Structures are given as C-alpha cells and as structure tokens.
Amino acid sequence: MISDKTKADVLRAVHFGWILFGLVSFPMIFVFRWWAWAVIVFAFVTLLSWPLFKACYFTKLEEKWRRTYDPKFSFDNQAFIQFYLEKFFKIKVSRQALRLFNVPLMLLLLGLSVSVILRN
C-alpha cells in the first residue's frame, strides 16, 4: 500500500505538472491544433474545480494526505502556488493576486484555444 506521504508527494508533482501544462500551452496551441482541444478540457476542469470544491481539488487532497502523517500540516488557507513559492523561494504572494492572475490566464487560454479551433 502506498503511504499518504508518497501520495501527497506524487500529487504535488502532478499539480506542478498541471500548472506547467497551462504555461506551456500558450505557444503549443498555435503549433498543434489538437493541443487546443486538450487546453479546452484543461481550462474547463481548472475553472470548474475552484467553485465546485471551493478551492483547488489537488490542494485539498494534498493537504488531507499530508495531515494523516503530520497532523499539524496546513496550507494555512493558501493556494498551492502561494504556499510553495513561500516555502521554497521565500516569495510571498497574496491569494487575491493569484486569483487576478489565474482566472484571466485560464479564460485567455480557453479563448485562444477556441479561436484556433474555429480558425482551422
């Protein structure tokens, strides 16, 4: 059986990959038309998860698993990016600033992807 710590570590890597996918997608949707379809799914899943789970589902799940082996662990009501930026790079970013960045970014990705698909 996989430990909760291992699950949380794997999920952190998947979450980082999810974010990286979003950033890499900007140029890729113009190179590969099929990438735009993947981005539409990515953007919808991301945008819908926030109101559905009242936070990012990956963040909630990672925190749950980390608390099973370290009951004191908490993201302290921080977003994933916010928490790890501060932990590893000592960079503090407000949750509001992240929202002001993430939501328009997802909407821009979604809009660009739809326009690429409709254009071809």
N, C-alpha and C. Protein backbone atom coordinates (compact mmCIF):
# COMPACT_ATOMS: atom_id res chain seq x y z
N MET A 1 0.84 -1.19 0.00
CA MET A 1 0.00 0.00 0.00
C MET A 1 0.89 1.26 0.00
N ILE A 2 0.48 2.23 -0.77
CA ILE A 2 1.23 3.47 -0.88
C ILE A 2 0.91 4.36 0.32
N SER A 3 1.95 4.92 0.92
CA SER A 3 1.73 5.80 2.08
C SER A 3 1.11 7.12 1.65
N ASP A 4 0.44 7.77 2.59
CA ASP A 4 -0.17 9.06 2.30
C ASP A 4 0.89 10.12 1.97
N LYS A 5 2.06 10.00 2.57
CA LYS A 5 3.14 10.94 2.27
C LYS A 5 3.56 10.80 0.81
N THR A 6 3.70 9.55 0.34
CA THR A 6 4.07 9.31 -1.06
C THR A 6 2.98 9.82 -1.99
N LYS A 7 1.71 9.55 -1.64
CA LYS A 7 0.60 10.05 -2.45
C LYS A 7 0.63 11.58 -2.54
N ALA A 8 0.88 12.22 -1.40
CA ALA A 8 0.93 13.69 -1.37
C ALA A 8 2.09 14.21 -2.20
N ASP A 9 3.24 13.55 -2.13
CA ASP A 9 4.40 13.97 -2.92
C ASP A 9 4.15 13.80 -4.41
N VAL A 10 3.52 12.68 -4.78
CA VAL A 10 3.19 12.44 -6.19
C VAL A 10 2.18 13.48 -6.66
N LEU A 11 1.17 13.75 -5.84
CA LEU A 11 0.16 14.74 -6.20
C LEU A 11 0.77 16.13 -6.35
N ARG A 12 1.74 16.46 -5.50
CA ARG A 12 2.42 17.75 -5.64
C ARG A 12 3.10 17.84 -7.01
N ALA A 13 3.75 16.75 -7.43
CA ALA A 13 4.41 16.72 -8.74
C ALA A 13 3.38 16.83 -9.87
N VAL A 14 2.27 16.13 -9.73
CA VAL A 14 1.20 16.20 -10.74
C VAL A 14 0.63 17.61 -10.80
N HIS A 15 0.43 18.23 -9.65
CA HIS A 15 -0.10 19.59 -9.58
C HIS A 15 0.87 20.57 -10.25
N PHE A 16 2.15 20.41 -9.97
CA PHE A 16 3.15 21.26 -10.62
C PHE A 16 3.12 21.04 -12.14
N GLY A 17 2.99 19.78 -12.56
CA GLY A 17 2.88 19.48 -13.98
C GLY A 17 1.64 20.08 -14.61
N TRP A 18 0.54 20.09 -13.86
CA TRP A 18 -0.71 20.70 -14.32
C TRP A 18 -0.50 22.19 -14.61
N ILE A 19 0.17 22.85 -13.68
CA ILE A 19 0.46 24.28 -13.84
C ILE A 19 1.40 24.51 -15.02
N LEU A 20 2.42 23.69 -15.12
CA LEU A 20 3.37 23.79 -16.23
C LEU A 20 2.68 23.57 -17.57
N PHE A 21 1.75 22.62 -17.62
CA PHE A 21 0.98 22.37 -18.83
C PHE A 21 0.26 23.65 -19.27
N GLY A 22 -0.34 24.34 -18.31
CA GLY A 22 -1.04 25.58 -18.63
C GLY A 22 -0.11 26.64 -19.21
N LEU A 23 1.06 26.77 -18.64
CA LEU A 23 2.02 27.78 -19.13
C LEU A 23 2.59 27.41 -20.49
N VAL A 24 2.88 26.15 -20.68
CA VAL A 24 3.46 25.69 -21.95
C VAL A 24 2.43 25.74 -23.07
N SER A 25 1.17 25.72 -22.70
CA SER A 25 0.09 25.65 -23.69
C SER A 25 -0.02 26.90 -24.56
N PHE A 26 0.42 28.03 -24.05
CA PHE A 26 0.28 29.25 -24.85
C PHE A 26 0.90 29.13 -26.24
N PRO A 27 2.15 28.76 -26.35
CA PRO A 27 2.68 28.61 -27.71
C PRO A 27 2.21 27.32 -28.40
N MET A 28 1.96 26.27 -27.62
CA MET A 28 1.64 24.97 -28.21
C MET A 28 0.31 24.95 -28.95
N ILE A 29 -0.66 25.74 -28.51
CA ILE A 29 -1.95 25.72 -29.20
C ILE A 29 -1.84 26.26 -30.62
N PHE A 30 -0.81 27.04 -30.88
CA PHE A 30 -0.60 27.57 -32.23
C PHE A 30 0.22 26.63 -33.09
N VAL A 31 0.92 25.70 -32.45
CA VAL A 31 1.75 24.74 -33.18
C VAL A 31 0.96 23.47 -33.52
N PHE A 32 0.23 22.96 -32.56
CA PHE A 32 -0.54 21.73 -32.74
C PHE A 32 -2.02 22.02 -32.49
N ARG A 33 -2.83 21.83 -33.49
CA ARG A 33 -4.27 22.12 -33.36
C ARG A 33 -4.90 21.24 -32.27
N TRP A 34 -4.49 19.98 -32.20
CA TRP A 34 -5.05 19.05 -31.21
C TRP A 34 -4.77 19.53 -29.78
N TRP A 35 -3.68 20.29 -29.61
CA TRP A 35 -3.34 20.79 -28.28
C TRP A 35 -4.44 21.72 -27.76
N ALA A 36 -5.05 22.45 -28.68
CA ALA A 36 -6.12 23.38 -28.29
C ALA A 36 -7.29 22.62 -27.67
N TRP A 37 -7.59 21.42 -28.18
CA TRP A 37 -8.66 20.61 -27.58
C TRP A 37 -8.29 20.20 -26.16
N ALA A 38 -7.04 19.81 -25.97
CA ALA A 38 -6.58 19.43 -24.62
C ALA A 38 -6.66 20.63 -23.67
N VAL A 39 -6.35 21.80 -24.18
CA VAL A 39 -6.39 23.01 -23.35
C VAL A 39 -7.82 23.37 -22.96
N ILE A 40 -8.76 23.13 -23.85
CA ILE A 40 -10.16 23.40 -23.52
C ILE A 40 -10.59 22.53 -22.34
N VAL A 41 -10.24 21.26 -22.39
CA VAL A 41 -10.56 20.37 -21.27
C VAL A 41 -9.84 20.83 -20.01
N PHE A 42 -8.55 21.13 -20.14
CA PHE A 42 -7.74 21.60 -19.02
C PHE A 42 -8.34 22.86 -18.39
N ALA A 43 -8.70 23.83 -19.20
CA ALA A 43 -9.23 25.10 -18.69
C ALA A 43 -10.59 24.90 -18.01
N PHE A 44 -11.47 24.10 -18.63
CA PHE A 44 -12.77 23.86 -18.01
C PHE A 44 -12.63 23.13 -16.69
N VAL A 45 -11.81 22.10 -16.64
CA VAL A 45 -11.60 21.35 -15.39
C VAL A 45 -11.05 22.28 -14.31
N THR A 46 -10.08 23.10 -14.69
CA THR A 46 -9.47 24.02 -13.73
C THR A 46 -10.48 25.06 -13.25
N LEU A 47 -11.16 25.70 -14.17
CA LEU A 47 -12.11 26.75 -13.80
C LEU A 47 -13.30 26.21 -13.00
N LEU A 48 -13.77 25.03 -13.34
CA LEU A 48 -14.92 24.46 -12.63
C LEU A 48 -14.55 23.90 -11.27
N SER A 49 -13.31 23.48 -11.11
CA SER A 49 -12.92 22.89 -9.83
C SER A 49 -12.92 23.92 -8.70
N TRP A 50 -12.58 25.15 -9.00
CA TRP A 50 -12.50 26.17 -7.96
C TRP A 50 -13.85 26.42 -7.29
N PRO A 51 -14.92 26.72 -8.04
CA PRO A 51 -16.19 26.93 -7.34
C PRO A 51 -16.80 25.62 -6.83
N LEU A 52 -16.57 24.53 -7.53
CA LEU A 52 -17.14 23.24 -7.13
C LEU A 52 -16.61 22.75 -5.79
N PHE A 53 -15.30 22.87 -5.59
CA PHE A 53 -14.66 22.39 -4.37
C PHE A 53 -14.30 23.53 -3.41
N LYS A 54 -14.64 24.75 -3.78
CA LYS A 54 -14.33 25.96 -3.00
C LYS A 54 -12.82 26.15 -2.83
N ALA A 55 -12.07 25.51 -3.68
CA ALA A 55 -10.60 25.61 -3.73
C ALA A 55 -10.16 24.64 -4.81
N CYS A 56 -8.88 24.60 -5.04
CA CYS A 56 -8.34 23.64 -5.99
C CYS A 56 -8.41 22.24 -5.38
N TYR A 57 -8.98 21.30 -6.10
CA TYR A 57 -9.14 19.94 -5.59
C TYR A 57 -7.79 19.30 -5.26
N PHE A 58 -6.78 19.52 -6.11
CA PHE A 58 -5.44 18.96 -5.86
C PHE A 58 -4.89 19.46 -4.52
N THR A 59 -5.07 20.74 -4.25
CA THR A 59 -4.57 21.32 -3.00
C THR A 59 -5.27 20.71 -1.79
N LYS A 60 -6.59 20.58 -1.88
CA LYS A 60 -7.35 19.99 -0.77
C LYS A 60 -6.94 18.55 -0.51
N LEU A 61 -6.74 17.79 -1.59
CA LEU A 61 -6.36 16.39 -1.45
C LEU A 61 -4.95 16.24 -0.89
N GLU A 62 -4.03 17.06 -1.37
CA GLU A 62 -2.66 17.01 -0.84
C GLU A 62 -2.65 17.33 0.65
N GLU A 63 -3.38 18.36 1.04
CA GLU A 63 -3.42 18.73 2.45
C GLU A 63 -4.01 17.59 3.30
N LYS A 64 -5.05 16.95 2.80
CA LYS A 64 -5.67 15.83 3.52
C LYS A 64 -4.65 14.71 3.73
N TRP A 65 -3.92 14.34 2.68
CA TRP A 65 -2.95 13.26 2.80
C TRP A 65 -1.78 13.64 3.70
N ARG A 66 -1.33 14.88 3.61
CA ARG A 66 -0.20 15.31 4.45
C ARG A 66 -0.60 15.34 5.93
N ARG A 67 -1.84 15.66 6.21
CA ARG A 67 -2.30 15.71 7.61
C ARG A 67 -2.38 14.32 8.24
N THR A 68 -2.46 13.27 7.45
CA THR A 68 -2.54 11.93 8.03
C THR A 68 -1.22 11.52 8.69
N TYR A 69 -0.10 12.01 8.17
CA TYR A 69 1.19 11.68 8.80
C TYR A 69 1.77 12.86 9.57
N ASP A 70 1.25 14.05 9.34
CA ASP A 70 1.69 15.23 10.08
C ASP A 70 0.44 16.07 10.40
N PRO A 71 -0.21 15.78 11.53
CA PRO A 71 -1.47 16.47 11.87
C PRO A 71 -1.37 17.99 11.94
N LYS A 72 -0.17 18.51 12.11
CA LYS A 72 0.00 19.96 12.20
C LYS A 72 0.13 20.62 10.82
N PHE A 73 0.28 19.81 9.76
CA PHE A 73 0.46 20.39 8.43
C PHE A 73 -0.79 21.14 8.01
N SER A 74 -0.57 22.27 7.37
CA SER A 74 -1.68 23.04 6.83
C SER A 74 -1.15 23.99 5.75
N PHE A 75 -1.95 24.17 4.73
CA PHE A 75 -1.62 25.19 3.74
C PHE A 75 -1.97 26.58 4.27
N ASP A 76 -2.53 26.62 5.47
CA ASP A 76 -2.90 27.89 6.11
C ASP A 76 -3.75 28.77 5.20
N ASN A 77 -4.74 28.13 4.56
CA ASN A 77 -5.65 28.83 3.66
C ASN A 77 -4.91 29.50 2.50
N GLN A 78 -3.80 28.91 2.11
CA GLN A 78 -3.04 29.41 0.97
C GLN A 78 -3.28 28.51 -0.24
N ALA A 79 -3.11 29.08 -1.40
CA ALA A 79 -3.16 28.30 -2.63
C ALA A 79 -1.85 27.53 -2.79
N PHE A 80 -1.87 26.51 -3.62
CA PHE A 80 -0.70 25.68 -3.87
C PHE A 80 0.52 26.52 -4.27
N ILE A 81 0.33 27.37 -5.28
CA ILE A 81 1.44 28.20 -5.78
C ILE A 81 1.92 29.13 -4.67
N GLN A 82 1.00 29.72 -3.97
CA GLN A 82 1.31 30.65 -2.89
C GLN A 82 2.14 29.96 -1.81
N PHE A 83 1.71 28.77 -1.40
CA PHE A 83 2.39 28.02 -0.34
C PHE A 83 3.81 27.64 -0.74
N TYR A 84 3.97 27.07 -1.94
CA TYR A 84 5.29 26.58 -2.34
C TYR A 84 6.24 27.69 -2.78
N LEU A 85 5.70 28.79 -3.30
CA LEU A 85 6.57 29.95 -3.58
C LEU A 85 7.21 30.45 -2.29
N GLU A 86 6.39 30.51 -1.25
CA GLU A 86 6.92 30.98 0.04
C GLU A 86 7.85 29.95 0.67
N LYS A 87 7.48 28.68 0.59
CA LYS A 87 8.28 27.63 1.22
C LYS A 87 9.66 27.48 0.58
N PHE A 88 9.71 27.44 -0.75
CA PHE A 88 10.98 27.17 -1.43
C PHE A 88 11.76 28.42 -1.83
N PHE A 89 11.05 29.52 -2.13
CA PHE A 89 11.73 30.71 -2.64
C PHE A 89 11.56 31.94 -1.75
N LYS A 90 10.83 31.78 -0.64
CA LYS A 90 10.58 32.89 0.29
C LYS A 90 9.91 34.08 -0.40
N ILE A 91 9.08 33.78 -1.41
CA ILE A 91 8.34 34.80 -2.14
C ILE A 91 6.90 34.78 -1.64
N LYS A 92 6.43 35.91 -1.15
CA LYS A 92 5.05 36.00 -0.65
C LYS A 92 4.17 36.64 -1.71
N VAL A 93 3.06 35.96 -1.99
CA VAL A 93 2.08 36.45 -2.96
C VAL A 93 0.71 36.31 -2.31
N SER A 94 -0.12 37.30 -2.45
CA SER A 94 -1.45 37.21 -1.85
C SER A 94 -2.34 36.29 -2.67
N ARG A 95 -3.31 35.73 -2.00
CA ARG A 95 -4.27 34.86 -2.69
C ARG A 95 -5.05 35.65 -3.74
N GLN A 96 -5.35 36.90 -3.43
CA GLN A 96 -6.07 37.77 -4.38
C GLN A 96 -5.23 37.99 -5.64
N ALA A 97 -3.94 38.19 -5.47
CA ALA A 97 -3.06 38.39 -6.64
C ALA A 97 -3.05 37.14 -7.51
N LEU A 98 -3.05 35.98 -6.88
CA LEU A 98 -3.09 34.73 -7.65
C LEU A 98 -4.40 34.60 -8.42
N ARG A 99 -5.49 34.94 -7.78
CA ARG A 99 -6.79 34.89 -8.47
C ARG A 99 -6.81 35.85 -9.66
N LEU A 100 -6.26 37.04 -9.44
CA LEU A 100 -6.22 38.03 -10.52
C LEU A 100 -5.33 37.58 -11.68
N PHE A 101 -4.43 36.66 -11.42
CA PHE A 101 -3.57 36.11 -12.45
C PHE A 101 -4.18 34.84 -13.06
N ASN A 102 -4.63 33.92 -12.22
CA ASN A 102 -5.07 32.61 -12.68
C ASN A 102 -6.36 32.64 -13.52
N VAL A 103 -7.36 33.34 -13.04
CA VAL A 103 -8.64 33.33 -13.75
C VAL A 103 -8.51 33.93 -15.15
N PRO A 104 -7.94 35.13 -15.30
CA PRO A 104 -7.77 35.65 -16.66
C PRO A 104 -6.87 34.75 -17.53
N LEU A 105 -5.87 34.15 -16.92
CA LEU A 105 -4.99 33.24 -17.66
C LEU A 105 -5.78 32.07 -18.23
N MET A 106 -6.63 31.47 -17.41
CA MET A 106 -7.45 30.34 -17.87
C MET A 106 -8.44 30.78 -18.95
N LEU A 107 -9.06 31.95 -18.74
CA LEU A 107 -10.00 32.45 -19.74
C LEU A 107 -9.30 32.79 -21.05
N LEU A 108 -8.10 33.34 -20.96
CA LEU A 108 -7.33 33.64 -22.17
C LEU A 108 -6.96 32.35 -22.90
N LEU A 109 -6.49 31.35 -22.17
CA LEU A 109 -6.17 30.06 -22.78
C LEU A 109 -7.40 29.46 -23.45
N LEU A 110 -8.51 29.53 -22.78
CA LEU A 110 -9.75 28.99 -23.32
C LEU A 110 -10.15 29.73 -24.60
N GLY A 111 -10.11 31.05 -24.55
CA GLY A 111 -10.46 31.85 -25.72
C GLY A 111 -9.53 31.62 -26.90
N LEU A 112 -8.24 31.57 -26.63
CA LEU A 112 -7.27 31.31 -27.70
C LEU A 112 -7.47 29.93 -28.30
N SER A 113 -7.73 28.96 -27.47
CA SER A 113 -7.94 27.59 -27.96
C SER A 113 -9.17 27.50 -28.86
N VAL A 114 -10.25 28.11 -28.42
CA VAL A 114 -11.48 28.11 -29.22
C VAL A 114 -11.23 28.82 -30.55
N SER A 115 -10.53 29.94 -30.52
CA SER A 115 -10.26 30.67 -31.77
C SER A 115 -9.37 29.87 -32.71
N VAL A 116 -8.41 29.14 -32.17
CA VAL A 116 -7.54 28.30 -33.01
C VAL A 116 -8.37 27.20 -33.66
N ILE A 117 -9.26 26.59 -32.91
CA ILE A 117 -10.10 25.51 -33.46
C ILE A 117 -11.07 26.05 -34.50
N LEU A 118 -11.69 27.18 -34.24
CA LEU A 118 -12.63 27.76 -35.18
C LEU A 118 -11.95 28.30 -36.44
N ARG A 119 -10.72 28.72 -36.30
CA ARG A 119 -9.96 29.28 -37.42
C ARG A 119 -9.64 28.21 -38.45
N ASN A 120 -9.41 26.99 -38.00
CA ASN A 120 -8.99 25.92 -38.92
C ASN A 120 -10.13 25.08 -39.37
